[in-house]
Amino acid sequence: MYNIFDLNLKKIQYFLSIVDERSISRAAKILYISQPALSKSIKELESQLNLKLFIRNKKKIELTPSGQYLYNQWSEIIEKMCTTMETVHNIEKNKFQQINLGCEYLLSLDYNELWMNFLIDFKKLHPNISVNLSTMNTKELREKFISNSLDIILCTKLEASSLEKYNIHTFCHLPIYVYGRKDHPVLKNKYDIEWKDLKNCDFYSLFPEMNSWYEHLLSYYTQSAGYSPNILGYTDSQINQILKIKTSDSLMVSLGLDFLIKDNLLCSRKLKGNIELVLVYQNNKPIINEFIKFLSNQILRSNK
């Protein structure tokens, strides 16, 4: 097997220039080298490769089949190398820019793989921009955003209602599900559940400081249906929420969590309505706008 590391890039450049200029003399002028020295370099390259690159003809430059193939391949490789060096110098010149993105932990669960793919694809397009994704509870998310520790946060529209002085961009709409035991009176016989059907039901919610949108969501939709929710108790995690509904007749509402709830005793039913997720951001920096535009386009594609 031929050792490609023995090749001399300068000689490859000489070869490509001769073909591009269709003349050894013109190539020599562009390369600032004498014509005899250029001819000698090409002969050395042919000897090293043990290939004939040119058909010797005084009237015109003509490539052998091997020469033509190498020209096509080497042209692409050299162009890629030049582009790579230009990019890396731009990165060094502009330095790395950073976007700090925050998301409520539970909102990231169902879309974790999707988020990772988004961030990987964005990095490919913008190698000089680093995106740091942090997941946290509602209270911490709000505090870090207001203190400028986060550039963008992903939250529900209900949560964003108190952040109207900032820029708010609709990201996507997610379906809402109610979870409970399969033998629950409301769930066992109905597949189309409306909020009015849950009027006399008990709920377990998360502590508001953990994820306040749960209670806001319950309040918003139940009041729209003409009643207030009966919250039986609070838990500090969704796992504990699941344990509560598994051992009682209480219910919980959430995003799609079938990947998390794998229990023959439990079931889910889709509810009328949805959760609107929004991106809230501090300012109109070009990199922030570019990132939000990218995310919006990716969501549109993923929903097709």
Protein backbone atom coordinates (compact mmCIF):
# COMPACT_ATOMS: atom_id res chain seq x y z
CA MET A 1 0.00 0.00 0.00
CA TYR A 2 1.30 3.46 -0.93
CA ASN A 3 2.25 5.68 2.00
CA ILE A 4 0.38 8.94 1.38
CA PHE A 5 2.45 10.70 4.05
CA ASP A 6 5.45 10.55 1.71
CA LEU A 7 3.65 12.89 -0.68
CA ASN A 8 4.79 16.49 -0.92
CA LEU A 9 1.90 19.00 -0.91
CA LYS A 10 3.94 21.55 -2.81
CA LYS A 11 4.46 19.12 -5.69
CA ILE A 12 0.71 18.40 -5.72
CA GLN A 13 0.12 22.17 -5.89
CA TYR A 14 2.52 22.38 -8.84
CA PHE A 15 0.68 19.57 -10.62
CA LEU A 16 -2.75 21.19 -10.11
CA SER A 17 -1.49 24.60 -11.27
CA ILE A 18 -0.10 23.16 -14.52
CA VAL A 19 -3.46 21.54 -15.28
CA ASP A 20 -5.42 24.68 -14.34
CA GLU A 21 -3.21 26.94 -16.48
CA ARG A 22 -2.90 24.37 -19.27
CA SER A 23 0.69 25.45 -19.59
CA ILE A 24 3.92 24.73 -17.72
CA SER A 25 5.31 28.19 -18.52
CA ARG A 26 2.20 30.04 -17.26
CA ALA A 27 2.07 27.85 -14.14
CA ALA A 28 5.75 28.59 -13.48
CA LYS A 29 5.10 32.35 -13.57
CA ILE A 30 2.15 32.10 -11.16
CA LEU A 31 4.14 29.86 -8.81
CA TYR A 32 7.23 32.08 -9.00
CA ILE A 33 9.41 29.16 -10.00
CA SER A 34 11.55 28.57 -13.06
CA GLN A 35 10.11 26.39 -15.81
CA PRO A 36 12.95 23.82 -15.62
CA ALA A 37 12.52 23.55 -11.84
CA LEU A 38 8.76 23.02 -12.27
CA SER A 39 9.28 20.33 -14.91
CA LYS A 40 11.81 18.60 -12.65
CA SER A 41 9.35 18.65 -9.73
CA ILE A 42 6.62 17.01 -11.83
CA LYS A 43 9.01 14.28 -13.00
CA GLU A 44 9.95 13.62 -9.36
CA LEU A 45 6.25 13.36 -8.46
CA GLU A 46 5.65 10.88 -11.29
CA SER A 47 8.64 8.85 -10.18
CA GLN A 48 7.46 8.84 -6.59
CA LEU A 49 3.96 7.71 -7.61
CA ASN A 50 5.30 5.34 -10.28
CA LEU A 51 2.68 6.85 -12.61
CA LYS A 52 2.63 8.93 -15.77
CA LEU A 53 0.54 12.03 -15.15
CA PHE A 54 0.93 13.77 -18.53
CA ILE A 55 1.03 12.63 -22.10
CA ARG A 56 4.12 14.41 -23.39
CA ASN A 57 2.95 16.68 -26.17
CA LYS A 58 4.59 19.99 -27.09
CA LYS A 59 1.37 21.50 -28.46
CA LYS A 60 -0.89 21.11 -25.39
CA ILE A 61 -1.13 19.76 -21.87
CA GLU A 62 -2.89 16.42 -21.87
CA LEU A 63 -3.51 14.22 -18.85
CA THR A 64 -3.29 10.46 -18.70
CA PRO A 65 -6.35 8.68 -17.23
CA SER A 66 -4.45 8.32 -13.94
CA GLY A 67 -3.47 11.99 -14.08
CA GLN A 68 -7.07 13.05 -14.70
CA TYR A 69 -8.33 10.97 -11.77
CA LEU A 70 -5.70 12.36 -9.42
CA TYR A 71 -6.45 15.91 -10.56
CA ASN A 72 -10.17 15.48 -9.78
CA GLN A 73 -9.55 13.98 -6.35
CA TRP A 74 -6.67 16.21 -5.29
CA SER A 75 -8.56 19.35 -6.34
CA GLU A 76 -11.37 18.49 -3.93
CA ILE A 77 -8.96 17.61 -1.13
CA ILE A 78 -6.93 20.82 -1.47
CA GLU A 79 -10.11 22.90 -1.65
CA LYS A 80 -11.37 21.23 1.53
CA MET A 81 -8.05 21.90 3.27
CA CYS A 82 -8.16 25.57 2.26
CA THR A 83 -11.76 25.91 3.50
CA THR A 84 -10.84 24.20 6.76
CA MET A 85 -7.93 26.56 7.37
CA GLU A 86 -10.05 29.60 6.52
CA THR A 87 -12.73 28.43 8.98
CA VAL A 88 -10.28 27.76 11.78
CA HIS A 89 -8.69 31.20 11.31
CA ASN A 90 -12.12 32.80 11.43
CA ILE A 91 -12.82 30.91 14.65
CA GLU A 92 -9.57 32.18 16.11
CA LYS A 93 -10.24 35.71 14.86
CA ASN A 94 -13.78 35.89 16.17
CA LYS A 95 -13.11 33.74 19.22
CA PHE A 96 -15.79 31.42 20.52
CA GLN A 97 -19.19 32.87 21.29
CA GLN A 98 -21.44 31.25 23.85
CA ILE A 99 -25.20 30.90 24.29
CA ASN A 100 -26.51 29.87 27.71
CA LEU A 101 -29.83 28.08 27.32
CA GLY A 102 -32.00 27.07 30.28
CA CYS A 103 -34.90 24.64 30.36
CA GLU A 104 -37.21 23.26 33.02
CA TYR A 105 -36.08 19.72 33.75
CA LEU A 106 -39.43 18.09 33.05
CA LEU A 107 -39.84 19.92 29.76
CA SER A 108 -36.53 18.49 28.58
CA LEU A 109 -37.34 14.86 29.42
CA ASP A 110 -39.65 14.04 26.55
CA TYR A 111 -37.47 15.86 24.02
CA ASN A 112 -33.99 15.04 25.30
CA GLU A 113 -32.84 13.20 22.16
CA LEU A 114 -34.40 15.84 19.93
CA TRP A 115 -32.61 18.61 21.85
CA MET A 116 -29.27 16.84 21.50
CA ASN A 117 -29.75 16.46 17.74
CA PHE A 118 -30.66 20.15 17.45
CA LEU A 119 -27.52 21.21 19.31
CA ILE A 120 -25.28 18.90 17.29
CA ASP A 121 -26.68 20.19 14.00
CA PHE A 122 -26.35 23.81 15.12
CA LYS A 123 -22.72 23.20 16.09
CA LYS A 124 -21.98 21.86 12.61
CA LEU A 125 -23.33 25.05 11.05
CA HIS A 126 -21.71 27.38 13.60
CA PRO A 127 -18.47 25.84 14.91
CA ASN A 128 -17.53 29.09 16.66
CA ILE A 129 -20.72 29.19 18.77
CA SER A 130 -20.98 27.04 21.88
CA VAL A 131 -24.46 26.31 23.32
CA ASN A 132 -24.66 25.29 26.97
CA LEU A 133 -27.96 23.62 27.92
CA SER A 134 -28.85 23.61 31.62
CA THR A 135 -31.93 22.00 33.16
CA MET A 136 -33.31 23.24 36.49
CA ASN A 137 -36.48 23.90 38.44
CA THR A 138 -38.83 26.79 37.69
CA LYS A 139 -37.63 29.09 40.46
CA GLU A 140 -33.95 28.69 39.64
CA LEU A 141 -34.63 29.07 35.91
CA ARG A 142 -36.39 32.41 36.43
CA GLU A 143 -33.74 33.72 38.83
CA LYS A 144 -30.85 32.86 36.55
CA PHE A 145 -32.59 34.40 33.55
CA ILE A 146 -33.41 37.68 35.30
CA SER A 147 -29.84 37.90 36.63
CA ASN A 148 -28.54 37.49 33.05
CA SER A 149 -26.89 34.15 33.75
CA LEU A 150 -29.03 32.64 30.99
CA ASP A 151 -29.51 34.13 27.51
CA ILE A 152 -32.56 32.06 26.57
CA ILE A 153 -35.03 29.98 28.55
CA LEU A 154 -37.59 27.45 27.36
CA CYS A 155 -40.78 27.55 29.43
CA THR A 156 -44.56 27.42 29.09
CA LYS A 157 -46.49 30.44 27.88
CA LEU A 158 -48.21 30.53 31.28
CA GLU A 159 -44.84 30.95 32.98
CA ALA A 160 -43.78 33.60 30.48
CA SER A 161 -46.79 35.80 31.25
CA SER A 162 -44.77 37.59 33.96
CA LEU A 163 -41.80 38.09 31.61
CA GLU A 164 -43.54 40.26 29.04
CA LYS A 165 -40.80 42.90 29.05
CA TYR A 166 -38.48 40.36 27.42
CA ASN A 167 -38.62 38.94 23.90
CA ILE A 168 -40.97 35.94 23.67
CA HIS A 169 -41.05 33.58 20.71
CA THR A 170 -43.51 30.67 20.35
CA PHE A 171 -41.53 27.45 20.06
CA CYS A 172 -44.06 24.61 19.81
CA HIS A 173 -47.30 23.16 21.18
CA LEU A 174 -47.31 19.90 23.15
CA PRO A 175 -50.31 17.65 23.95
CA ILE A 176 -51.49 17.23 27.55
CA TYR A 177 -52.18 13.84 29.12
CA VAL A 178 -53.88 12.72 32.32
CA TYR A 179 -52.39 9.72 34.13
CA GLY A 180 -53.96 7.38 36.66
CA ARG A 181 -54.81 3.79 37.46
CA LYS A 182 -56.45 1.79 34.69
CA ASP A 183 -59.41 1.06 36.98
CA HIS A 184 -60.02 4.76 37.69
CA PRO A 185 -63.73 5.51 37.04
CA VAL A 186 -63.00 8.34 34.62
CA LEU A 187 -60.17 6.65 32.73
CA LYS A 188 -61.26 3.03 32.39
CA ASN A 189 -64.13 3.55 29.94
CA LYS A 190 -63.24 6.75 28.10
CA TYR A 191 -60.51 7.49 25.59
CA ASP A 192 -61.54 11.05 24.80
CA ILE A 193 -61.17 12.95 28.06
CA GLU A 194 -62.26 16.54 28.51
CA TRP A 195 -61.41 18.76 31.46
CA LYS A 196 -65.04 18.78 32.60
CA ASP A 197 -64.78 15.00 33.10
CA LEU A 198 -62.16 15.60 35.83
CA LYS A 199 -64.33 17.91 37.95
CA ASN A 200 -64.67 15.58 40.95
CA CYS A 201 -61.18 14.10 40.71
CA ASP A 202 -58.22 14.50 43.06
CA PHE A 203 -54.79 15.49 41.79
CA TYR A 204 -51.20 15.30 42.91
CA SER A 205 -48.99 18.15 41.73
CA LEU A 206 -45.38 19.17 42.09
CA PHE A 207 -44.33 21.78 44.62
CA PRO A 208 -44.71 25.19 42.85
CA GLU A 209 -41.07 26.09 43.43
CA MET A 210 -40.10 22.93 41.57
CA ASN A 211 -42.36 23.32 38.53
CA SER A 212 -45.08 25.91 38.98
CA TRP A 213 -46.49 25.41 35.49
CA TYR A 214 -48.15 22.19 36.66
CA GLU A 215 -50.46 24.03 39.02
CA HIS A 216 -50.90 26.93 36.59
CA LEU A 217 -51.90 24.44 33.91
CA LEU A 218 -54.42 22.74 36.18
CA SER A 219 -55.88 26.05 37.31
CA TYR A 220 -56.13 27.48 33.80
CA TYR A 221 -57.95 24.56 32.18
CA THR A 222 -60.14 23.55 35.13
CA GLN A 223 -61.32 27.12 35.67
CA SER A 224 -62.08 27.31 31.95
CA ALA A 225 -64.28 24.25 32.53
CA GLY A 226 -66.02 25.97 35.47
CA TYR A 227 -64.38 24.51 38.57
CA SER A 228 -61.23 24.61 40.70
CA PRO A 229 -58.93 21.59 40.92
CA ASN A 230 -58.83 19.54 44.11
CA ILE A 231 -55.10 19.17 44.74
CA LEU A 232 -54.73 16.38 47.26
CA GLY A 233 -51.03 16.94 47.82
CA TYR A 234 -47.64 17.90 46.45
CA THR A 235 -44.48 15.95 45.67
CA ASP A 236 -40.89 16.96 45.03
CA SER A 237 -40.41 14.82 41.89
CA GLN A 238 -42.36 13.23 39.09
CA ILE A 239 -41.33 9.77 40.27
CA ASN A 240 -43.09 10.43 43.59
CA GLN A 241 -46.07 11.77 41.69
CA ILE A 242 -46.29 8.49 39.82
CA LEU A 243 -46.08 6.51 43.07
CA LYS A 244 -48.93 8.58 44.53
CA ILE A 245 -51.31 7.99 41.63
CA LYS A 246 -50.37 4.31 41.53
CA THR A 247 -51.43 3.80 45.14
CA SER A 248 -54.60 5.97 45.15
CA ASP A 249 -57.47 7.18 43.03
CA SER A 250 -55.74 10.51 42.39
CA LEU A 251 -54.59 11.71 38.97
CA MET A 252 -51.76 13.76 37.50
CA VAL A 253 -51.52 15.79 34.31
CA SER A 254 -48.32 16.07 32.32
CA LEU A 255 -46.64 15.84 28.96
CA GLY A 256 -46.35 12.46 27.28
CA LEU A 257 -44.49 10.30 29.80
CA ASP A 258 -45.13 6.80 28.45
CA PHE A 259 -41.36 6.32 28.20
CA LEU A 260 -41.17 6.92 31.97
CA ILE A 261 -44.34 5.20 33.13
CA LYS A 262 -44.00 1.48 32.44
CA ASP A 263 -46.56 -0.03 34.76
CA ASN A 264 -49.45 -2.34 33.98
CA LEU A 265 -51.57 -0.65 36.65
CA LEU A 266 -51.40 2.80 35.04
CA CYS A 267 -52.72 4.34 31.84
CA SER A 268 -52.88 7.71 30.11
CA ARG A 269 -55.56 9.58 28.21
CA LYS A 270 -55.09 12.63 26.00
CA LEU A 271 -56.79 15.79 27.20
CA LYS A 272 -58.32 18.56 25.17
CA GLY A 273 -55.90 21.48 24.87
CA ASN A 274 -52.14 21.81 24.76
CA ILE A 275 -49.08 23.30 26.41
CA GLU A 276 -47.56 26.16 24.47
CA LEU A 277 -43.80 26.35 24.90
CA VAL A 278 -42.02 29.62 24.29
CA LEU A 279 -38.44 30.84 24.09
CA VAL A 280 -37.78 33.90 26.22
CA TYR A 281 -34.57 35.78 25.48
CA GLN A 282 -32.76 38.82 26.74
CA ASN A 283 -31.84 40.80 23.65
CA ASN A 284 -31.49 40.79 19.88
CA LYS A 285 -27.88 39.69 19.58
CA PRO A 286 -27.22 38.24 16.10
CA ILE A 287 -26.18 34.85 17.52
CA ILE A 288 -29.34 34.67 19.67
CA ASN A 289 -31.57 35.46 16.71
CA GLU A 290 -29.71 32.95 14.56
CA PHE A 291 -30.14 30.22 17.19
CA ILE A 292 -33.86 30.86 17.66
CA LYS A 293 -34.41 30.90 13.91
CA PHE A 294 -32.54 27.60 13.64
CA LEU A 295 -34.59 25.97 16.41
CA SER A 296 -37.87 27.12 14.86
CA ASN A 297 -36.92 25.66 11.48
CA GLN A 298 -35.86 22.37 13.08
CA ILE A 299 -39.16 22.06 14.97
CA LEU A 300 -41.09 22.66 11.75
CA ARG A 301 -39.12 19.91 10.00
CA SER A 302 -39.51 17.44 12.86
CA ASN A 303 -43.29 17.94 12.88
CA LYS A 304 -43.68 17.16 9.18
